[in-house]
Amino acid sequence: MSEPASISSGIAARYATAVFELAKEGKKLPALEADCDALEDALASSDDFAALISSPVYTREEQSSAVIAIAKKMKLSPIVTNTLGLMAEKRRLFVLPQLITALRAQISDEKGEVTAEVTAAKKLTKAQADALAKTLKASVGKDVTVNVAVDESLIGGLIVKVGSKMIDTSISSKLSNLQNAMKEVG
C-alpha cells in the first residue's frame, strides 16, 4: 500500500470509528447504514459530487456549505451531516469513499456478518447470489453479504474474496495456469 493510501485509510478509520460509536450509542445503526447506501449511490451517480469532495479548487467554506446542503437534501442523519461538515472544514472530504467502506465493515461486524467481494464473468441472478451466500455462510460460519462485480474478461467462473481468503475458479485463471504449465514442459 502506498503511503498516501495508507494515510487516507487511517484518516477514514478514525472518522468511521467515531461515527460508528456515536450511532451505536444513539441506537441509530440502521440510519447509518442507509446513509452509507445513499452516499455511495451519490458518489457513483454524480460526477459533480465526486469532484466536490476531491477537488482542491473549492475553499473549506464552499465545500462545507455545499456538503451540508447536499446532506440535508438527501435527508442524511444529523450524525453523518455533522461529520461531513467537519470533514469539509478539516479538508478531509477526499476520504469519503474509504469512510463508507470502513463504516460498512464496522456495521457488518456488529451484525455478525462478513462481506464477500465476488467478481463474475456475467451478472448473477438473485437465486445464484443467494445460493453463493448460503454456501459461503456454511464455510465461514457467519452471515455473508455478497457484493458482485462483473468482469467479462474472466470468460466464466468466479473470483470470491472473503476477508484475506481468495478463491479463483475463473476460466481465464485456469487458462493462464495451463499456459504456464505448458511453458514448463516445452
Protein backbone atom coordinates (compact mmCIF):
# COMPACT_ATOMS: atom_id res chain seq x y z
CA MET A 1 0.00 0.00 0.00
CA SER A 2 1.36 3.37 -0.90
CA GLU A 3 1.91 5.96 1.80
CA PRO A 4 -0.88 8.37 0.69
CA ALA A 5 -3.34 5.47 0.52
CA SER A 6 -2.37 4.31 4.00
CA ILE A 7 -2.73 7.86 5.34
CA SER A 8 -6.20 8.10 3.76
CA SER A 9 -7.22 4.76 5.27
CA GLY A 10 -6.02 5.90 8.69
CA ILE A 11 -7.96 9.15 8.50
CA ALA A 12 -11.07 7.32 7.29
CA ALA A 13 -10.75 4.67 10.01
CA ARG A 14 -10.63 7.32 12.76
CA TYR A 15 -13.70 9.13 11.43
CA ALA A 16 -15.50 5.81 10.89
CA THR A 17 -14.83 4.69 14.46
CA ALA A 18 -16.14 7.96 15.88
CA VAL A 19 -19.27 7.99 13.68
CA PHE A 20 -19.96 4.31 14.35
CA GLU A 21 -19.64 4.73 18.12
CA LEU A 22 -21.96 7.76 18.11
CA ALA A 23 -24.55 5.90 16.01
CA LYS A 24 -24.28 2.80 18.20
CA GLU A 25 -24.74 4.82 21.40
CA GLY A 26 -27.80 6.52 19.92
CA LYS A 27 -29.15 3.22 18.53
CA LYS A 28 -29.01 4.71 15.02
CA LEU A 29 -27.10 1.96 13.18
CA PRO A 30 -29.91 1.27 10.65
CA ALA A 31 -29.97 5.00 9.78
CA LEU A 32 -26.17 4.99 9.46
CA GLU A 33 -26.36 2.02 7.10
CA ALA A 34 -29.00 3.82 4.98
CA ASP A 35 -26.78 6.93 4.92
CA CYS A 36 -23.84 4.85 3.67
CA ASP A 37 -26.03 3.49 0.86
CA ALA A 38 -27.21 6.97 -0.08
CA LEU A 39 -23.70 8.44 -0.08
CA GLU A 40 -22.31 5.55 -2.10
CA ASP A 41 -25.10 5.97 -4.67
CA ALA A 42 -24.47 9.73 -4.82
CA LEU A 43 -20.74 9.22 -5.39
CA ALA A 44 -21.39 6.66 -8.11
CA SER A 45 -24.07 8.66 -9.93
CA SER A 46 -22.86 12.25 -9.61
CA ASP A 47 -19.57 13.37 -11.09
CA ASP A 48 -20.17 16.80 -9.55
CA PHE A 49 -20.39 15.33 -6.05
CA ALA A 50 -17.25 13.27 -6.62
CA ALA A 51 -15.47 16.40 -7.85
CA LEU A 52 -16.69 18.40 -4.84
CA ILE A 53 -15.15 16.00 -2.34
CA SER A 54 -11.83 15.62 -4.12
CA SER A 55 -11.12 18.94 -5.81
CA PRO A 56 -8.73 21.35 -4.10
CA VAL A 57 -10.29 24.23 -6.08
CA TYR A 58 -13.15 24.63 -3.61
CA THR A 59 -12.50 26.51 -0.37
CA ARG A 60 -13.26 24.94 3.01
CA GLU A 61 -16.32 27.15 3.35
CA GLU A 62 -17.62 26.28 -0.13
CA GLN A 63 -17.12 22.56 0.48
CA SER A 64 -18.68 22.75 3.93
CA SER A 65 -21.79 24.66 2.88
CA ALA A 66 -22.25 22.55 -0.25
CA VAL A 67 -21.86 19.21 1.50
CA ILE A 68 -24.19 20.21 4.35
CA ALA A 69 -26.81 21.37 1.82
CA ILE A 70 -26.45 18.09 -0.07
CA ALA A 71 -26.72 16.07 3.16
CA LYS A 72 -29.89 17.91 4.15
CA LYS A 73 -31.37 17.45 0.67
CA MET A 74 -30.54 13.70 0.91
CA LYS A 75 -32.11 13.64 4.40
CA LEU A 76 -28.99 12.13 5.97
CA SER A 77 -28.91 11.65 9.74
CA PRO A 78 -27.57 14.51 11.88
CA ILE A 79 -24.51 12.45 12.86
CA VAL A 80 -23.47 11.96 9.22
CA THR A 81 -24.40 15.53 8.22
CA ASN A 82 -22.29 16.99 11.03
CA THR A 83 -19.42 14.62 10.25
CA LEU A 84 -19.42 15.65 6.59
CA GLY A 85 -19.38 19.31 7.64
CA LEU A 86 -16.45 18.68 9.98
CA MET A 87 -14.59 16.73 7.31
CA ALA A 88 -15.07 19.65 4.90
CA GLU A 89 -13.77 22.15 7.46
CA LYS A 90 -10.69 19.97 8.03
CA ARG A 91 -10.19 19.34 4.27
CA ARG A 92 -10.79 15.60 4.74
CA LEU A 93 -13.73 15.00 2.36
CA PHE A 94 -11.42 13.18 -0.05
CA VAL A 95 -11.53 10.13 2.28
CA LEU A 96 -15.32 9.77 1.99
CA PRO A 97 -15.18 6.56 -0.13
CA GLN A 98 -12.81 4.93 2.40
CA LEU A 99 -15.03 6.19 5.24
CA ILE A 100 -18.05 4.47 3.70
CA THR A 101 -16.08 1.24 3.29
CA ALA A 102 -14.85 1.37 6.90
CA LEU A 103 -18.35 2.11 8.22
CA ARG A 104 -19.80 -0.79 6.25
CA ALA A 105 -17.15 -3.12 7.70
CA GLN A 106 -17.92 -1.99 11.26
CA ILE A 107 -21.68 -2.30 10.75
CA SER A 108 -21.27 -5.79 9.26
CA ASP A 109 -19.03 -6.82 12.14
CA GLU A 110 -21.59 -5.54 14.65
CA LYS A 111 -24.33 -7.53 12.90
CA GLY A 112 -22.14 -10.66 12.81
CA GLU A 113 -21.87 -10.52 9.03
CA VAL A 114 -18.96 -10.74 6.67
CA THR A 115 -18.81 -9.29 3.16
CA ALA A 116 -17.73 -11.36 0.19
CA GLU A 117 -16.38 -9.49 -2.82
CA VAL A 118 -17.34 -11.57 -5.85
CA THR A 119 -16.18 -10.97 -9.41
CA ALA A 120 -18.18 -12.88 -12.01
CA ALA A 121 -17.98 -13.17 -15.78
CA LYS A 122 -21.66 -12.19 -16.05
CA LYS A 123 -24.32 -10.76 -13.75
CA LEU A 124 -25.52 -13.27 -11.16
CA THR A 125 -29.23 -13.90 -10.76
CA LYS A 126 -30.82 -13.39 -7.35
CA ALA A 127 -31.04 -17.17 -6.91
CA GLN A 128 -27.35 -17.63 -7.78
CA ALA A 129 -26.29 -14.87 -5.37
CA ASP A 130 -28.44 -16.36 -2.60
CA ALA A 131 -27.04 -19.86 -3.22
CA LEU A 132 -23.49 -18.47 -3.14
CA ALA A 133 -24.21 -16.60 0.11
CA LYS A 134 -25.65 -19.78 1.65
CA THR A 135 -22.60 -21.82 0.61
CA LEU A 136 -20.21 -19.17 1.93
CA LYS A 137 -22.16 -18.97 5.21
CA ALA A 138 -21.65 -22.71 5.69
CA SER A 139 -17.94 -22.28 5.03
CA VAL A 140 -17.34 -19.08 7.05
CA GLY A 141 -19.84 -19.60 9.86
CA LYS A 142 -21.27 -16.07 9.66
CA ASP A 143 -23.97 -14.40 7.60
CA VAL A 144 -22.46 -13.35 4.28
CA THR A 145 -23.32 -10.26 2.25
CA VAL A 146 -22.34 -10.72 -1.39
CA ASN A 147 -21.10 -7.73 -3.43
CA VAL A 148 -20.93 -8.73 -7.08
CA ALA A 149 -18.85 -7.02 -9.77
CA VAL A 150 -18.86 -8.12 -13.41
CA ASP A 151 -15.64 -8.67 -15.36
CA GLU A 152 -16.26 -10.30 -18.74
CA SER A 153 -12.54 -10.98 -19.19
CA LEU A 154 -12.91 -13.88 -16.74
CA ILE A 155 -14.71 -15.78 -19.55
CA GLY A 156 -16.55 -17.87 -16.92
CA GLY A 157 -16.42 -18.77 -13.24
CA LEU A 158 -15.96 -16.58 -10.18
CA ILE A 159 -13.34 -14.92 -8.04
CA VAL A 160 -14.51 -14.82 -4.42
CA LYS A 161 -12.73 -12.80 -1.71
CA VAL A 162 -13.82 -13.21 1.90
CA GLY A 163 -11.53 -11.44 4.33
CA SER A 164 -7.98 -12.48 3.47
CA LYS A 165 -9.04 -15.61 1.56
CA MET A 166 -9.46 -15.68 -2.19
CA ILE A 167 -10.91 -18.45 -4.33
CA ASP A 168 -10.34 -18.12 -8.06
CA THR A 169 -12.38 -20.50 -10.23
CA SER A 170 -12.34 -18.31 -13.32
CA ILE A 171 -11.65 -19.83 -16.71
CA SER A 172 -9.10 -17.12 -17.53
CA SER A 173 -7.12 -18.13 -14.43
CA LYS A 174 -7.29 -21.80 -15.39
CA LEU A 175 -6.14 -20.98 -18.93
CA SER A 176 -3.27 -18.92 -17.53
CA ASN A 177 -2.23 -21.80 -15.24
CA LEU A 178 -2.40 -24.21 -18.18
CA GLN A 179 -0.30 -21.83 -20.30
CA ASN A 180 2.35 -21.64 -17.55
CA ALA A 181 2.35 -25.44 -17.22
CA MET A 182 2.82 -25.78 -20.99
CA LYS A 183 5.78 -23.37 -20.89
CA GLU A 184 7.47 -25.51 -18.24
CA VAL A 185 7.15 -28.64 -20.37
CA GLY A 186 8.40 -27.17 -23.63
